[in-house]
């Protein structure tokens, strides 16, 4: 939800929906706008993504190693 800083009705509506300002956007030639987002969203979630990626990588390496060991035993 994006609101003009001077638009009190829009700002109050965003706060009543439990949204908080995440950034001030001034990409367009017009005035800056406050961008409201749900609380605890954004970059804070990236830590769990790295954890999932590490677990997936460990599972892939472990599975590949187990497959290689089984292939060596079968051919011997």
N, C-alpha and C. Protein backbone atom coordinates (compact mmCIF):
# COMPACT_ATOMS: atom_id res chain seq x y z
N UNK A 1 0.85 -1.17 0.00
CA UNK A 1 0.00 0.00 0.00
C UNK A 1 0.90 1.23 0.00
N UNK A 2 0.66 2.13 -0.91
CA UNK A 2 1.48 3.34 -1.02
C UNK A 2 0.61 4.56 -0.71
N UNK A 3 1.15 5.46 0.10
CA UNK A 3 0.41 6.66 0.51
C UNK A 3 1.30 7.89 0.34
N UNK A 4 0.68 9.00 0.00
CA UNK A 4 1.40 10.28 0.04
C UNK A 4 1.63 10.62 1.51
N UNK A 5 2.78 11.21 1.83
CA UNK A 5 3.05 11.57 3.23
C UNK A 5 2.01 12.53 3.82
N UNK A 6 1.41 13.37 2.99
CA UNK A 6 0.44 14.35 3.49
C UNK A 6 -0.98 13.78 3.58
N UNK A 7 -1.21 12.59 3.05
CA UNK A 7 -2.55 11.98 3.04
C UNK A 7 -2.77 11.24 4.36
N UNK A 8 -3.33 11.94 5.33
CA UNK A 8 -3.51 11.36 6.67
C UNK A 8 -4.48 10.19 6.65
N UNK A 9 -5.52 10.26 5.85
CA UNK A 9 -6.52 9.18 5.81
C UNK A 9 -5.88 7.88 5.32
N UNK A 10 -5.09 7.97 4.29
CA UNK A 10 -4.40 6.78 3.76
C UNK A 10 -3.41 6.23 4.77
N UNK A 11 -2.66 7.12 5.41
CA UNK A 11 -1.68 6.68 6.41
C UNK A 11 -2.36 6.01 7.60
N UNK A 12 -3.46 6.57 8.07
CA UNK A 12 -4.19 5.98 9.20
C UNK A 12 -4.80 4.64 8.82
N UNK A 13 -5.30 4.52 7.59
CA UNK A 13 -5.87 3.25 7.13
C UNK A 13 -4.79 2.17 7.09
N UNK A 14 -3.61 2.53 6.62
CA UNK A 14 -2.51 1.57 6.58
C UNK A 14 -2.12 1.12 7.99
N UNK A 15 -2.05 2.05 8.92
CA UNK A 15 -1.70 1.70 10.31
C UNK A 15 -2.80 0.86 10.96
N UNK A 16 -4.06 1.12 10.61
CA UNK A 16 -5.15 0.34 11.19
C UNK A 16 -5.14 -1.10 10.69
N UNK A 17 -4.53 -1.33 9.53
CA UNK A 17 -4.39 -2.69 9.00
C UNK A 17 -3.11 -3.36 9.49
N UNK A 18 -2.46 -2.77 10.48
CA UNK A 18 -1.22 -3.29 11.08
C UNK A 18 -0.07 -3.31 10.08
N UNK A 19 -0.04 -2.34 9.18
CA UNK A 19 1.06 -2.20 8.23
C UNK A 19 2.03 -1.16 8.76
N UNK A 20 3.28 -1.26 8.35
CA UNK A 20 4.27 -0.27 8.76
C UNK A 20 5.07 0.18 7.55
N UNK A 21 5.65 1.36 7.64
CA UNK A 21 6.41 1.92 6.53
C UNK A 21 7.70 1.12 6.34
N UNK A 22 7.92 0.63 5.15
CA UNK A 22 9.15 -0.11 4.85
C UNK A 22 10.13 0.75 4.08
N UNK A 23 9.65 1.66 3.25
CA UNK A 23 10.57 2.53 2.52
C UNK A 23 9.82 3.77 2.04
N UNK A 24 10.59 4.75 1.68
CA UNK A 24 10.03 5.95 1.09
C UNK A 24 10.41 5.92 -0.37
N UNK A 25 9.43 5.85 -1.24
CA UNK A 25 9.67 5.65 -2.67
C UNK A 25 9.59 6.99 -3.40
N UNK A 26 10.64 7.30 -4.12
CA UNK A 26 10.66 8.53 -4.91
C UNK A 26 11.15 8.23 -6.31
N UNK A 27 10.72 7.12 -6.89
CA UNK A 27 11.18 6.71 -8.22
C UNK A 27 10.49 7.50 -9.33
N UNK A 28 9.30 7.96 -9.08
CA UNK A 28 8.56 8.69 -10.10
C UNK A 28 8.86 10.18 -9.97
N UNK A 29 8.58 10.95 -11.00
CA UNK A 29 8.86 12.39 -10.93
C UNK A 29 8.00 13.11 -9.89
N UNK A 30 6.91 12.52 -9.43
CA UNK A 30 6.03 13.16 -8.46
C UNK A 30 6.64 13.14 -7.06
N UNK A 31 5.83 13.48 -6.08
CA UNK A 31 6.32 13.51 -4.70
C UNK A 31 6.61 12.10 -4.17
N UNK A 32 7.39 12.05 -3.11
CA UNK A 32 7.71 10.77 -2.48
C UNK A 32 6.45 10.16 -1.87
N UNK A 33 6.43 8.83 -1.81
CA UNK A 33 5.30 8.11 -1.24
C UNK A 33 5.82 7.15 -0.19
N UNK A 34 5.04 6.94 0.86
CA UNK A 34 5.37 5.94 1.85
C UNK A 34 4.81 4.60 1.38
N UNK A 35 5.62 3.57 1.42
CA UNK A 35 5.17 2.24 1.03
C UNK A 35 4.98 1.43 2.31
N UNK A 36 3.75 1.01 2.54
CA UNK A 36 3.41 0.23 3.73
C UNK A 36 3.40 -1.25 3.39
N UNK A 37 3.96 -2.06 4.28
CA UNK A 37 4.01 -3.51 4.10
C UNK A 37 3.68 -4.16 5.43
N UNK A 38 3.31 -5.46 5.42
CA UNK A 38 3.09 -6.15 6.68
C UNK A 38 4.36 -6.17 7.52
N UNK A 39 4.19 -6.19 8.82
CA UNK A 39 5.34 -6.20 9.72
C UNK A 39 6.14 -7.49 9.56
N UNK A 40 7.43 -7.41 9.82
CA UNK A 40 8.35 -8.56 9.78
C UNK A 40 8.41 -9.22 8.41
N UNK A 41 8.40 -8.43 7.37
CA UNK A 41 8.59 -8.97 6.02
C UNK A 41 9.80 -8.29 5.40
N UNK A 42 10.27 -8.85 4.33
CA UNK A 42 11.38 -8.24 3.62
C UNK A 42 12.67 -9.00 3.81
N UNK A 43 13.75 -8.28 4.03
CA UNK A 43 15.07 -8.89 4.08
C UNK A 43 15.28 -9.81 5.28
N UNK A 44 14.48 -9.71 6.30
CA UNK A 44 14.65 -10.56 7.48
C UNK A 44 14.42 -12.03 7.14
N UNK A 45 13.65 -12.31 6.09
CA UNK A 45 13.35 -13.69 5.72
C UNK A 45 14.50 -14.36 4.99
N UNK A 46 15.50 -13.62 4.56
CA UNK A 46 16.55 -14.21 3.74
C UNK A 46 17.42 -15.20 4.53
N UNK A 47 17.49 -15.07 5.85
CA UNK A 47 18.29 -15.99 6.67
C UNK A 47 17.77 -17.41 6.59
N UNK A 48 16.47 -17.58 6.62
CA UNK A 48 15.88 -18.92 6.55
C UNK A 48 16.08 -19.52 5.15
N UNK A 49 16.10 -18.69 4.14
CA UNK A 49 16.34 -19.18 2.78
C UNK A 49 17.74 -19.76 2.68
N UNK A 50 18.73 -19.09 3.27
CA UNK A 50 20.11 -19.61 3.25
C UNK A 50 20.20 -20.92 4.02
N UNK A 51 19.46 -21.03 5.12
CA UNK A 51 19.45 -22.27 5.89
C UNK A 51 18.88 -23.42 5.06
N UNK A 52 17.76 -23.18 4.39
CA UNK A 52 17.18 -24.21 3.52
C UNK A 52 18.12 -24.59 2.39
N UNK A 53 18.81 -23.61 1.83
CA UNK A 53 19.76 -23.89 0.76
C UNK A 53 20.91 -24.76 1.27
N UNK A 54 21.41 -24.49 2.46
CA UNK A 54 22.50 -25.27 3.04
C UNK A 54 22.04 -26.71 3.30
N UNK A 55 20.84 -26.87 3.83
CA UNK A 55 20.32 -28.22 4.09
C UNK A 55 20.16 -28.98 2.78
N UNK A 56 19.63 -28.34 1.75
CA UNK A 56 19.47 -29.00 0.46
C UNK A 56 20.82 -29.40 -0.13
N UNK A 57 21.81 -28.54 0.02
CA UNK A 57 23.14 -28.85 -0.48
C UNK A 57 23.74 -30.04 0.27
N UNK A 58 23.59 -30.08 1.58
CA UNK A 58 24.10 -31.21 2.37
C UNK A 58 23.39 -32.52 1.98
N UNK A 59 22.09 -32.45 1.75
CA UNK A 59 21.37 -33.65 1.33
C UNK A 59 21.83 -34.12 -0.05
N UNK A 60 22.09 -33.20 -0.95
CA UNK A 60 22.55 -33.56 -2.28
C UNK A 60 23.94 -34.20 -2.23
N UNK A 61 24.83 -33.62 -1.44
CA UNK A 61 26.18 -34.17 -1.32
C UNK A 61 26.13 -35.54 -0.65
N UNK A 62 25.34 -35.66 0.42
CA UNK A 62 25.21 -36.94 1.11
C UNK A 62 24.60 -38.01 0.22
N UNK A 63 23.58 -37.66 -0.51
CA UNK A 63 22.95 -38.62 -1.43
C UNK A 63 23.88 -39.04 -2.55
N UNK A 64 24.64 -38.09 -3.07
CA UNK A 64 25.62 -38.43 -4.12
C UNK A 64 26.71 -39.34 -3.61
N UNK A 65 27.19 -39.06 -2.40
CA UNK A 65 28.22 -39.91 -1.80
C UNK A 65 27.71 -41.31 -1.53
N UNK A 66 26.50 -41.43 -1.01
CA UNK A 66 25.90 -42.74 -0.76
C UNK A 66 25.71 -43.52 -2.06
N UNK A 67 25.25 -42.86 -3.08
CA UNK A 67 25.07 -43.50 -4.39
C UNK A 67 26.40 -44.00 -4.93
N UNK A 68 27.46 -43.20 -4.79
CA UNK A 68 28.78 -43.58 -5.27
C UNK A 68 29.30 -44.80 -4.50
N UNK A 69 29.12 -44.82 -3.18
CA UNK A 69 29.54 -45.96 -2.36
C UNK A 69 28.80 -47.22 -2.76
N UNK A 70 27.50 -47.12 -2.97
CA UNK A 70 26.72 -48.28 -3.38
C UNK A 70 27.13 -48.80 -4.75
N UNK A 71 27.47 -47.90 -5.66
CA UNK A 71 27.94 -48.33 -6.99
C UNK A 71 29.27 -49.06 -6.89
N UNK A 72 30.17 -48.58 -6.04
CA UNK A 72 31.48 -49.23 -5.88
C UNK A 72 31.33 -50.64 -5.28
N UNK A 73 30.42 -50.79 -4.31
CA UNK A 73 30.23 -52.09 -3.68
C UNK A 73 29.59 -53.08 -4.65
N UNK A 74 28.69 -52.61 -5.49
CA UNK A 74 28.00 -53.48 -6.42
C UNK A 74 28.93 -54.00 -7.50
N UNK A 75 29.86 -53.17 -7.96
CA UNK A 75 30.79 -53.60 -9.03
C UNK A 75 31.92 -54.46 -8.46
N UNK A 76 32.17 -54.43 -7.20
CA UNK A 76 33.27 -55.20 -6.62
C UNK A 76 32.92 -56.62 -6.31
